[in-house]
Protein backbone atom coordinates (compact mmCIF):
# COMPACT_ATOMS: atom_id res chain seq x y z
CA ASP A 1 0.06 0.06 -0.05
CA VAL A 2 2.87 2.39 0.84
CA TYR A 3 4.49 1.69 -2.59
CA TYR A 4 1.26 2.40 -4.52
CA ASP A 5 0.67 5.54 -2.41
CA ILE A 6 4.22 6.81 -3.21
CA ILE A 7 4.00 6.10 -6.96
CA THR A 8 0.51 7.59 -7.05
CA LYS A 9 1.73 10.86 -5.47
CA LYS A 10 4.87 10.86 -7.56
CA THR A 11 4.30 9.91 -11.32
CA ALA A 12 0.55 9.12 -11.41
CA THR A 13 -0.47 12.44 -10.07
CA LEU A 14 1.44 14.31 -12.82
CA ILE A 15 -0.08 12.24 -15.66
CA ALA A 16 -3.55 12.38 -14.01
CA SER A 17 -3.35 16.14 -13.77
CA CYS A 18 -2.52 16.49 -17.48
CA CYS A 19 -5.42 14.26 -18.54
CA ALA A 20 -7.85 16.05 -16.25
CA THR A 21 -6.59 19.45 -17.41
CA GLY A 22 -6.89 18.53 -21.05
CA ALA A 23 -10.59 17.43 -20.55
CA HIS A 24 -11.36 20.60 -18.49
CA SER A 25 -9.72 22.80 -21.05
CA VAL A 26 -12.35 21.76 -23.61
CA ASN A 27 -15.21 22.24 -21.20
CA GLN A 28 -16.06 18.52 -20.53
CA PRO A 29 -18.42 17.85 -17.69
CA LYS A 30 -16.99 17.12 -14.27
CA GLU A 31 -17.69 13.39 -14.68
CA VAL A 32 -15.50 13.29 -17.81
CA VAL A 33 -12.70 15.31 -16.13
CA GLU A 34 -12.80 12.91 -13.22
CA LYS A 35 -12.74 9.82 -15.64
CA MET A 36 -9.81 11.29 -17.49
CA ARG A 37 -8.00 11.99 -14.32
CA LEU A 38 -8.48 8.31 -13.34
CA VAL A 39 -7.17 7.31 -16.80
CA GLY A 40 -4.10 9.43 -16.27
CA GLU A 41 -3.53 8.12 -12.76
CA THR A 42 -3.75 4.54 -13.97
CA VAL A 43 -1.44 5.26 -16.81
CA GLY A 44 0.97 6.93 -14.39
CA ILE A 45 1.02 3.90 -12.17
CA CYS A 46 1.75 1.67 -15.22
CA PHE A 47 4.51 4.04 -16.22
CA GLN A 48 6.16 3.94 -12.80
CA ILE A 49 5.86 0.15 -12.45
CA LYS A 50 7.42 -0.32 -15.98
CA ASP A 51 10.20 2.05 -14.80
CA ASP A 52 10.74 -0.02 -11.66
CA LEU A 53 11.09 -3.21 -13.81
CA PHE A 54 14.03 -1.59 -15.74
CA ASP A 55 16.01 -1.80 -12.55
CA TYR A 56 16.07 -5.67 -12.79
CA GLY A 57 16.43 -5.84 -16.54
CA GLU A 58 19.08 -7.58 -18.52
CA LYS A 59 20.44 -4.64 -20.51
CA GLU A 60 21.30 -0.96 -20.04
CA ILE A 61 18.57 1.42 -21.19
CA GLY A 62 19.92 4.72 -19.99
CA LYS A 63 18.86 4.03 -16.37
CA PRO A 64 21.65 2.07 -14.65
CA ARG A 65 20.60 -1.39 -13.48
CA GLY A 66 20.21 -1.62 -9.69
CA ILE A 67 19.93 2.15 -9.15
CA ASP A 68 16.74 1.85 -7.11
CA ILE A 69 18.54 -0.80 -4.90
CA LYS A 70 21.56 1.57 -4.54
CA GLU A 71 19.20 4.42 -3.61
CA GLN A 72 17.45 2.03 -1.09
CA LYS A 73 14.09 2.28 -2.90
CA MET A 74 11.69 -0.46 -2.19
CA THR A 75 9.98 -1.08 -5.46
CA LEU A 76 7.23 -3.56 -6.32
CA PRO A 77 9.54 -6.46 -7.66
CA LEU A 78 11.61 -6.25 -4.42
CA ILE A 79 8.57 -5.95 -2.15
CA TYR A 80 6.97 -9.02 -3.64
CA ALA A 81 10.14 -11.02 -3.37
CA LEU A 82 10.73 -10.02 0.20
CA ASN A 83 7.15 -10.74 1.19
CA ASN A 84 7.51 -14.24 -0.15
CA ALA A 85 10.95 -15.11 1.10
CA GLU A 86 12.07 -17.15 4.02
CA LYS A 87 12.77 -15.06 7.11
CA ARG A 88 16.58 -15.63 6.86
CA ILE A 89 16.80 -14.64 3.20
CA ARG A 90 14.48 -11.70 3.78
CA ARG A 91 16.73 -10.34 6.56
CA LYS A 92 19.81 -10.86 4.30
CA MET A 93 18.33 -8.99 1.40
CA ILE A 94 17.13 -6.23 3.51
CA ASN A 95 20.52 -5.81 5.02
CA ILE A 96 22.16 -5.61 1.63
CA VAL A 97 19.69 -2.83 0.49
CA LYS A 98 20.31 -0.96 3.76
CA ASN A 99 24.09 -1.55 4.30
CA ASP A 100 25.72 -2.99 1.22
CA ASN A 101 23.84 -1.20 -1.47
CA LEU A 102 26.83 0.41 -3.07
CA LYS A 103 28.62 -2.98 -3.58
CA SER A 104 28.09 -3.94 -7.15
CA ALA A 105 28.27 -7.73 -6.29
CA LYS A 106 25.78 -7.34 -3.56
CA VAL A 107 23.31 -5.39 -5.74
CA LYS A 108 23.55 -8.11 -8.36
CA GLU A 109 22.73 -10.57 -5.61
CA VAL A 110 19.53 -8.71 -4.81
CA ILE A 111 18.63 -8.45 -8.61
CA ALA A 112 19.08 -12.16 -8.87
CA PHE A 113 17.07 -12.84 -5.75
CA VAL A 114 14.17 -10.70 -7.16
CA ASN A 115 14.35 -12.51 -10.58
CA GLN A 116 14.42 -16.00 -9.02
CA SER A 117 11.66 -15.13 -6.51
CA GLY A 118 8.89 -14.23 -9.12
CA GLY A 119 9.10 -10.57 -8.42
CA ILE A 120 9.35 -9.66 -12.05
CA GLU A 121 6.36 -11.85 -13.11
CA TYR A 122 4.26 -10.58 -10.30
CA THR A 123 5.05 -6.96 -11.13
CA ILE A 124 4.27 -7.43 -14.83
CA GLN A 125 0.98 -9.07 -13.78
CA GLN A 126 0.23 -6.03 -11.58
CA MET A 127 1.13 -3.60 -14.40
CA ASN A 128 -1.19 -5.34 -16.77
CA ILE A 129 -4.07 -5.14 -14.30
CA PHE A 130 -3.59 -1.39 -14.31
CA LYS A 131 -3.28 -1.25 -18.13
CA ASP A 132 -6.52 -3.17 -18.37
CA LYS A 133 -8.25 -0.72 -15.97
CA ALA A 134 -7.01 2.15 -18.11
CA LEU A 135 -8.23 0.62 -21.26
CA GLU A 136 -11.61 -0.14 -19.69
CA LEU A 137 -12.00 3.44 -18.67
CA LEU A 138 -11.06 4.68 -22.12
CA ASN A 139 -13.51 2.23 -23.72
CA THR A 140 -16.41 4.07 -21.95
CA PHE A 141 -15.69 6.90 -24.35
CA PRO A 142 -16.93 6.85 -27.97
CA GLU A 143 -14.51 5.57 -30.60
CA SER A 144 -12.51 8.57 -31.83
CA GLU A 145 -8.98 9.48 -32.89
CA SER A 146 -8.36 10.97 -29.32
CA ARG A 147 -9.40 7.71 -27.64
CA ASN A 148 -7.18 5.78 -30.06
CA SER A 149 -4.32 8.00 -29.20
CA LEU A 150 -4.82 7.51 -25.51
CA GLU A 151 -4.99 3.75 -26.04
CA SER A 152 -1.80 3.91 -27.93
CA LEU A 153 -0.29 5.78 -25.01
CA VAL A 154 -1.38 3.15 -22.49
CA ASN A 155 0.15 0.33 -24.77
CA TYR A 156 3.31 2.32 -25.22
CA THR A 157 3.73 2.85 -21.57
CA ILE A 158 3.83 -0.87 -20.81
CA ASN A 159 5.74 -1.94 -23.88
CA ARG A 160 8.45 0.82 -23.96
CA LYS A 161 12.08 -0.37 -24.09
CA TYR A 162 13.50 2.60 -22.08
């Protein structure tokens, strides 16, 4: 819950504001403005989850691998892995994140732990739930070039490579 609260207040609020402002600027009713705010918030959550997945990826994409671990950020892949680990392993991984987070070999150990623990698969599943929610909201609007563009934005957000 804390993770989702943080990413909602961080990235999702920015995109939600843009979507709501766009609807408001063309004099849409309050219900439409609110629905567009929800679309933006949901897309923002997808965007941040995807960004967090890059930390555990195989290749460099402009964002250094393991940077969130080095900055002691508890992102969804790591949270899931820790919540499903044996107590001894959980303590070891938390200790690395807190105390050995600048040691490259230790960061790689945490990345391997997250990958082996199903953290990536779980996080992708959660991202797709938010993607589906955003598309559901958009599908309540009539077919249009604008809706198609927003659907493309949703799909780009989860499929982006960087």
